Amino acid sequence: MIRFAKKEDRFAMADLVLVILKDMELPFVKEIGEAKTLEILADAMLEPSYRYGYTRALVNEIDGAIAGVAFGYPDKEEATIDQPLDRVLEQYGLSKEMKLFVDEETMPNEWYLDTICVAEDFRGHGVGSALLEALPKIAHRDGYDVIGLSVDRANPNAKRLYEKHGFAVVAQREISGHLYDHMQKKTS
């Protein structure tokens, strides 16, 4: 079942987000460690306006388990989506100068799919596809008819999945030292 995330989903969602952060080889995760990053993510997810705030997420729940999650936000909010993390970092006695992300990712006039991840036990069962098909609901809720995303050029399987769902490459960019194709899909 696809649904909006709830606060109590945050621990399962943090586990899934960590998979992506490790794939991106972010210095934050290397410096803080996986366990502390998970704690910080779970706490920050309680902040609705955060990049990974629970109100920005759709989950695919199967038999009571979070099988997958998708987080996104409108392009116009990119400048502020990481500010709530500053407060959480301070609560942990860490400098708010520490950043998970420093590169811009969105393009103008799009709702941006920041992160999508499927739990290992549920991969290959259509969980990610179901989340992708549900994204127009959240994009339309936020007033957008274009969805954008970035796919690591080293991940051709993910790119094929996005193409299958109507996304096309519109630009290339570097994010956290990796080359990405920026893809978009018009939803109406």
C-alpha atoms as a PDB file:
ATOM      1  CA  MET A   1       0.000   0.000   0.000  1.00  0.00           C
ATOM      2  CA  ILE A   2       1.343   3.423  -0.967  1.00  0.00           C
ATOM      3  CA  ARG A   3       0.732   6.066   1.677  1.00  0.00           C
ATOM      4  CA  PHE A   4       2.170   9.235   3.110  1.00  0.00           C
ATOM      5  CA  ALA A   5       4.782   8.539   5.767  1.00  0.00           C
ATOM      6  CA  LYS A   6       4.090   8.874   9.481  1.00  0.00           C
ATOM      7  CA  LYS A   7       6.440   9.858  12.284  1.00  0.00           C
ATOM      8  CA  GLU A   8       6.694   6.265  13.454  1.00  0.00           C
ATOM      9  CA  ASP A   9       8.119   5.234  10.044  1.00  0.00           C
ATOM     10  CA  ARG A  10      11.256   7.279  10.625  1.00  0.00           C
ATOM     11  CA  PHE A  11      13.558   4.474  11.784  1.00  0.00           C
ATOM     12  CA  ALA A  12      12.789   2.256   8.786  1.00  0.00           C
ATOM     13  CA  MET A  13      13.051   5.265   6.472  1.00  0.00           C
ATOM     14  CA  ALA A  14      16.409   6.279   7.981  1.00  0.00           C
ATOM     15  CA  ASP A  15      17.762   2.794   7.273  1.00  0.00           C
ATOM     16  CA  LEU A  16      16.766   3.141   3.620  1.00  0.00           C
ATOM     17  CA  VAL A  17      18.139   6.681   3.245  1.00  0.00           C
ATOM     18  CA  LEU A  18      21.459   5.529   4.698  1.00  0.00           C
ATOM     19  CA  VAL A  19      21.781   3.047   1.808  1.00  0.00           C
ATOM     20  CA  ILE A  20      21.673   5.979  -0.630  1.00  0.00           C
ATOM     21  CA  LEU A  21      24.013   8.173   1.431  1.00  0.00           C
ATOM     22  CA  LYS A  22      26.593   5.392   1.564  1.00  0.00           C
ATOM     23  CA  ASP A  23      26.305   4.856  -2.207  1.00  0.00           C
ATOM     24  CA  MET A  24      26.981   8.567  -2.660  1.00  0.00           C
ATOM     25  CA  GLU A  25      30.102   8.224  -0.486  1.00  0.00           C
ATOM     26  CA  LEU A  26      29.222  11.356   1.451  1.00  0.00           C
ATOM     27  CA  PRO A  27      31.975  12.696   3.724  1.00  0.00           C
ATOM     28  CA  PHE A  28      29.364  13.316   6.456  1.00  0.00           C
ATOM     29  CA  VAL A  29      28.665   9.576   6.803  1.00  0.00           C
ATOM     30  CA  LYS A  30      32.375   8.715   6.776  1.00  0.00           C
ATOM     31  CA  GLU A  31      33.146  11.304   9.448  1.00  0.00           C
ATOM     32  CA  ILE A  32      30.195  10.676  11.791  1.00  0.00           C
ATOM     33  CA  GLY A  33      29.793   6.938  11.205  1.00  0.00           C
ATOM     34  CA  GLU A  34      26.762   4.949  10.152  1.00  0.00           C
ATOM     35  CA  ALA A  35      25.213   4.460  13.589  1.00  0.00           C
ATOM     36  CA  LYS A  36      25.329   8.162  14.504  1.00  0.00           C
ATOM     37  CA  THR A  37      24.119   9.132  11.010  1.00  0.00           C
ATOM     38  CA  LEU A  38      21.087   6.852  11.482  1.00  0.00           C
ATOM     39  CA  GLU A  39      20.265   8.496  14.833  1.00  0.00           C
ATOM     40  CA  ILE A  40      20.602  11.978  13.373  1.00  0.00           C
ATOM     41  CA  LEU A  41      18.490  11.107  10.315  1.00  0.00           C
ATOM     42  CA  ALA A  42      15.715   9.574  12.423  1.00  0.00           C
ATOM     43  CA  ASP A  43      15.573  12.664  14.641  1.00  0.00           C
ATOM     44  CA  ALA A  44      15.732  15.083  11.698  1.00  0.00           C
ATOM     45  CA  MET A  45      12.862  13.240   9.987  1.00  0.00           C
ATOM     46  CA  LEU A  46      10.582  14.627  12.706  1.00  0.00           C
ATOM     47  CA  GLU A  47      11.189  18.085  11.202  1.00  0.00           C
ATOM     48  CA  PRO A  48       8.464  18.418   8.517  1.00  0.00           C
ATOM     49  CA  SER A  49      10.377  20.922   6.377  1.00  0.00           C
ATOM     50  CA  TYR A  50      13.619  18.912   6.336  1.00  0.00           C
ATOM     51  CA  ARG A  51      14.779  17.264   3.091  1.00  0.00           C
ATOM     52  CA  TYR A  52      13.954  13.905   4.702  1.00  0.00           C
ATOM     53  CA  GLY A  53      11.090  15.132   6.864  1.00  0.00           C
ATOM     54  CA  TYR A  54       8.319  12.576   7.181  1.00  0.00           C
ATOM     55  CA  THR A  55       5.822  14.940   5.489  1.00  0.00           C
ATOM     56  CA  ARG A  56       7.940  14.833   2.305  1.00  0.00           C
ATOM     57  CA  ALA A  57       7.815  11.039   2.024  1.00  0.00           C
ATOM     58  CA  LEU A  58       5.702   8.376   0.425  1.00  0.00           C
ATOM     59  CA  VAL A  59       6.165   4.834   1.654  1.00  0.00           C
ATOM     60  CA  ASN A  60       5.236   1.517   0.147  1.00  0.00           C
ATOM     61  CA  GLU A  61       4.109  -0.659   3.034  1.00  0.00           C
ATOM     62  CA  ILE A  62       3.795  -4.416   2.583  1.00  0.00           C
ATOM     63  CA  ASP A  63       2.575  -6.657   5.416  1.00  0.00           C
ATOM     64  CA  GLY A  64       3.367  -3.972   7.980  1.00  0.00           C
ATOM     65  CA  ALA A  65       6.943  -3.397   6.748  1.00  0.00           C
ATOM     66  CA  ILE A  66       8.293  -0.338   4.968  1.00  0.00           C
ATOM     67  CA  ALA A  67       9.292  -1.899   1.641  1.00  0.00           C
ATOM     68  CA  GLY A  68      10.346   1.368   0.026  1.00  0.00           C
ATOM     69  CA  VAL A  69      10.382   5.122   0.433  1.00  0.00           C
ATOM     70  CA  ALA A  70      10.471   8.175  -1.827  1.00  0.00           C
ATOM     71  CA  PHE A  71      11.321  11.714  -0.659  1.00  0.00           C
ATOM     72  CA  GLY A  72      10.942  14.879  -2.676  1.00  0.00           C
ATOM     73  CA  TYR A  73      10.327  18.601  -2.626  1.00  0.00           C
ATOM     74  CA  PRO A  74       9.500  21.583  -4.845  1.00  0.00           C
ATOM     75  CA  ASP A  75      12.487  23.265  -6.512  1.00  0.00           C
ATOM     76  CA  LYS A  76      11.752  26.581  -4.800  1.00  0.00           C
ATOM     77  CA  GLU A  77      12.392  24.968  -1.383  1.00  0.00           C
ATOM     78  CA  GLU A  78      15.867  23.646  -2.161  1.00  0.00           C
ATOM     79  CA  ALA A  79      17.604  26.578  -0.482  1.00  0.00           C
ATOM     80  CA  THR A  80      15.942  25.845   2.873  1.00  0.00           C
ATOM     81  CA  ILE A  81      15.353  22.077   3.053  1.00  0.00           C
ATOM     82  CA  ASP A  82      18.523  21.324   4.985  1.00  0.00           C
ATOM     83  CA  GLN A  83      18.195  24.105   7.582  1.00  0.00           C
ATOM     84  CA  PRO A  84      16.264  21.890  10.057  1.00  0.00           C
ATOM     85  CA  LEU A  85      19.264  19.556  10.146  1.00  0.00           C
ATOM     86  CA  ASP A  86      21.312  22.382  11.701  1.00  0.00           C
ATOM     87  CA  ARG A  87      19.149  22.276  14.852  1.00  0.00           C
ATOM     88  CA  VAL A  88      19.466  18.508  15.105  1.00  0.00           C
ATOM     89  CA  LEU A  89      23.249  18.646  14.682  1.00  0.00           C
ATOM     90  CA  GLU A  90      23.478  21.184  17.491  1.00  0.00           C
ATOM     91  CA  GLN A  91      21.441  18.851  19.728  1.00  0.00           C
ATOM     92  CA  TYR A  92      24.105  16.204  19.107  1.00  0.00           C
ATOM     93  CA  GLY A  93      26.888  18.665  19.906  1.00  0.00           C
ATOM     94  CA  LEU A  94      27.998  18.786  16.277  1.00  0.00           C
ATOM     95  CA  SER A  95      28.761  21.838  14.190  1.00  0.00           C
ATOM     96  CA  LYS A  96      25.917  23.036  12.009  1.00  0.00           C
ATOM     97  CA  GLU A  97      28.606  23.713   9.428  1.00  0.00           C
ATOM     98  CA  MET A  98      28.595  19.976   8.725  1.00  0.00           C
ATOM     99  CA  LYS A  99      26.475  19.344   5.646  1.00  0.00           C
ATOM    100  CA  LEU A 100      25.115  16.205   4.052  1.00  0.00           C
ATOM    101  CA  PHE A 101      24.717  17.979   0.706  1.00  0.00           C
ATOM    102  CA  VAL A 102      26.344  21.049  -0.781  1.00  0.00           C
ATOM    103  CA  ASP A 103      25.441  20.819  -4.486  1.00  0.00           C
ATOM    104  CA  GLU A 104      22.245  22.118  -6.054  1.00  0.00           C
ATOM    105  CA  GLU A 105      20.184  19.318  -7.531  1.00  0.00           C
ATOM    106  CA  THR A 106      16.910  20.767  -8.819  1.00  0.00           C
ATOM    107  CA  MET A 107      16.029  22.517 -12.044  1.00  0.00           C
ATOM    108  CA  PRO A 108      13.493  25.358 -12.228  1.00  0.00           C
ATOM    109  CA  ASN A 109       9.782  24.573 -12.085  1.00  0.00           C
ATOM    110  CA  GLU A 110      10.004  20.944 -11.029  1.00  0.00           C
ATOM    111  CA  TRP A 111       9.056  18.797  -8.093  1.00  0.00           C
ATOM    112  CA  TYR A 112      12.278  16.956  -7.335  1.00  0.00           C
ATOM    113  CA  LEU A 113      12.502  13.289  -6.371  1.00  0.00           C
ATOM    114  CA  ASP A 114      15.424  13.517  -3.994  1.00  0.00           C
ATOM    115  CA  THR A 115      15.608   9.902  -2.879  1.00  0.00           C
ATOM    116  CA  ILE A 116      13.933   6.614  -3.677  1.00  0.00           C
ATOM    117  CA  CYS A 117      15.048   3.367  -2.095  1.00  0.00           C
ATOM    118  CA  VAL A 118      13.624  -0.138  -1.817  1.00  0.00           C
ATOM    119  CA  ALA A 119      14.475  -2.454   1.063  1.00  0.00           C
ATOM    120  CA  GLU A 120      16.691  -5.325  -0.039  1.00  0.00           C
ATOM    121  CA  ASP A 121      14.092  -8.028   0.713  1.00  0.00           C
ATOM    122  CA  PHE A 122      11.554  -6.293  -1.542  1.00  0.00           C
ATOM    123  CA  ARG A 123      13.723  -5.489  -4.574  1.00  0.00           C
ATOM    124  CA  GLY A 124      12.507  -6.831  -7.906  1.00  0.00           C
ATOM    125  CA  HIS A 125       8.864  -6.914  -6.784  1.00  0.00           C
ATOM    126  CA  GLY A 126       7.600  -3.627  -8.244  1.00  0.00           C
ATOM    127  CA  VAL A 127       7.947  -1.605  -5.037  1.00  0.00           C
ATOM    128  CA  GLY A 128       9.983   1.161  -6.674  1.00  0.00           C
ATOM    129  CA  SER A 129       7.712   1.232  -9.722  1.00  0.00           C
ATOM    130  CA  ALA A 130       4.657   1.637  -7.494  1.00  0.00           C
ATOM    131  CA  LEU A 131       6.314   4.574  -5.727  1.00  0.00           C
ATOM    132  CA  LEU A 132       7.238   6.179  -9.056  1.00  0.00           C
ATOM    133  CA  GLU A 133       3.657   5.815 -10.282  1.00  0.00           C
ATOM    134  CA  ALA A 134       2.362   7.517  -7.115  1.00  0.00           C
ATOM    135  CA  LEU A 135       4.667  10.550  -7.361  1.00  0.00           C
ATOM    136  CA  PRO A 136       2.316  12.686  -9.480  1.00  0.00           C
ATOM    137  CA  LYS A 137      -0.082  12.826  -6.511  1.00  0.00           C
ATOM    138  CA  ILE A 138       2.473  14.486  -4.288  1.00  0.00           C
ATOM    139  CA  ALA A 139       3.807  16.695  -7.105  1.00  0.00           C
ATOM    140  CA  HIS A 140       0.291  17.897  -7.937  1.00  0.00           C
ATOM    141  CA  ARG A 141      -0.397  18.454  -4.232  1.00  0.00           C
ATOM    142  CA  ASP A 142       2.568  20.844  -4.254  1.00  0.00           C
ATOM    143  CA  GLY A 143       1.410  22.551  -7.485  1.00  0.00           C
ATOM    144  CA  TYR A 144       3.808  20.928  -9.990  1.00  0.00           C
ATOM    145  CA  ASP A 145       3.290  18.979 -13.208  1.00  0.00           C
ATOM    146  CA  VAL A 146       6.961  18.204 -13.859  1.00  0.00           C
ATOM    147  CA  ILE A 147       8.935  15.717 -11.763  1.00  0.00           C
ATOM    148  CA  GLY A 148      12.732  15.784 -11.881  1.00  0.00           C
ATOM    149  CA  LEU A 149      15.359  13.438 -10.505  1.00  0.00           C
ATOM    150  CA  SER A 150      19.058  12.728 -10.718  1.00  0.00           C
ATOM    151  CA  VAL A 151      20.366   9.271 -11.532  1.00  0.00           C
ATOM    152  CA  ASP A 152      23.991   8.269 -11.068  1.00  0.00           C
ATOM    153  CA  ARG A 153      25.479   7.601 -14.500  1.00  0.00           C
ATOM    154  CA  ALA A 154      27.130   4.526 -12.971  1.00  0.00           C
ATOM    155  CA  ASN A 155      23.657   3.032 -12.322  1.00  0.00           C
ATOM    156  CA  PRO A 156      22.197   2.095 -15.740  1.00  0.00           C
ATOM    157  CA  ASN A 157      19.558  -0.176 -14.176  1.00  0.00           C
ATOM    158  CA  ALA A 158      18.006   2.738 -12.291  1.00  0.00           C
ATOM    159  CA  LYS A 159      18.120   4.880 -15.426  1.00  0.00           C
ATOM    160  CA  ARG A 160      16.260   2.172 -17.396  1.00  0.00           C
ATOM    161  CA  LEU A 161      13.612   2.016 -14.671  1.00  0.00           C
ATOM    162  CA  TYR A 162      13.088   5.772 -14.834  1.00  0.00           C
ATOM    163  CA  GLU A 163      12.916   5.693 -18.631  1.00  0.00           C
ATOM    164  CA  LYS A 164      10.316   2.926 -18.394  1.00  0.00           C
ATOM    165  CA  HIS A 165       8.247   5.315 -16.269  1.00  0.00           C
ATOM    166  CA  GLY A 166       8.469   8.167 -18.769  1.00  0.00           C
ATOM    167  CA  PHE A 167      11.497  10.102 -17.557  1.00  0.00           C
ATOM    168  CA  ALA A 168      13.972  11.491 -20.089  1.00  0.00           C
ATOM    169  CA  VAL A 169      17.443  12.993 -19.679  1.00  0.00           C
ATOM    170  CA  VAL A 170      17.420  16.797 -19.875  1.00  0.00           C
ATOM    171  CA  ALA A 171      20.864  17.657 -18.416  1.00  0.00           C
ATOM    172  CA  GLN A 172      23.978  16.311 -16.743  1.00  0.00           C
ATOM    173  CA  ARG A 173      25.549  17.493 -13.505  1.00  0.00           C
ATOM    174  CA  GLU A 174      27.977  16.578 -10.775  1.00  0.00           C
ATOM    175  CA  ILE A 175      26.652  15.906  -7.275  1.00  0.00           C
ATOM    176  CA  SER A 176      28.996  15.010  -4.426  1.00  0.00           C
ATOM    177  CA  GLY A 177      31.741  14.134  -6.900  1.00  0.00           C
ATOM    178  CA  HIS A 178      29.603  11.746  -9.006  1.00  0.00           C
ATOM    179  CA  LEU A 179      28.236  12.350 -12.499  1.00  0.00           C
ATOM    180  CA  TYR A 180      24.444  12.295 -12.743  1.00  0.00           C
ATOM    181  CA  ASP A 181      21.881  12.482 -15.519  1.00  0.00           C
ATOM    182  CA  HIS A 182      19.074  14.864 -14.628  1.00  0.00           C
ATOM    183  CA  MET A 183      15.787  13.405 -15.851  1.00  0.00           C
ATOM    184  CA  GLN A 184      12.298  14.846 -16.001  1.00  0.00           C
ATOM    185  CA  LYS A 185       8.755  13.672 -16.624  1.00  0.00           C
ATOM    186  CA  LYS A 186       5.685  15.775 -17.338  1.00  0.00           C
ATOM    187  CA  THR A 187       2.737  14.443 -15.343  1.00  0.00           C
ATOM    188  CA  SER A 188      -0.204  16.080 -17.104  1.00  0.00           C
END
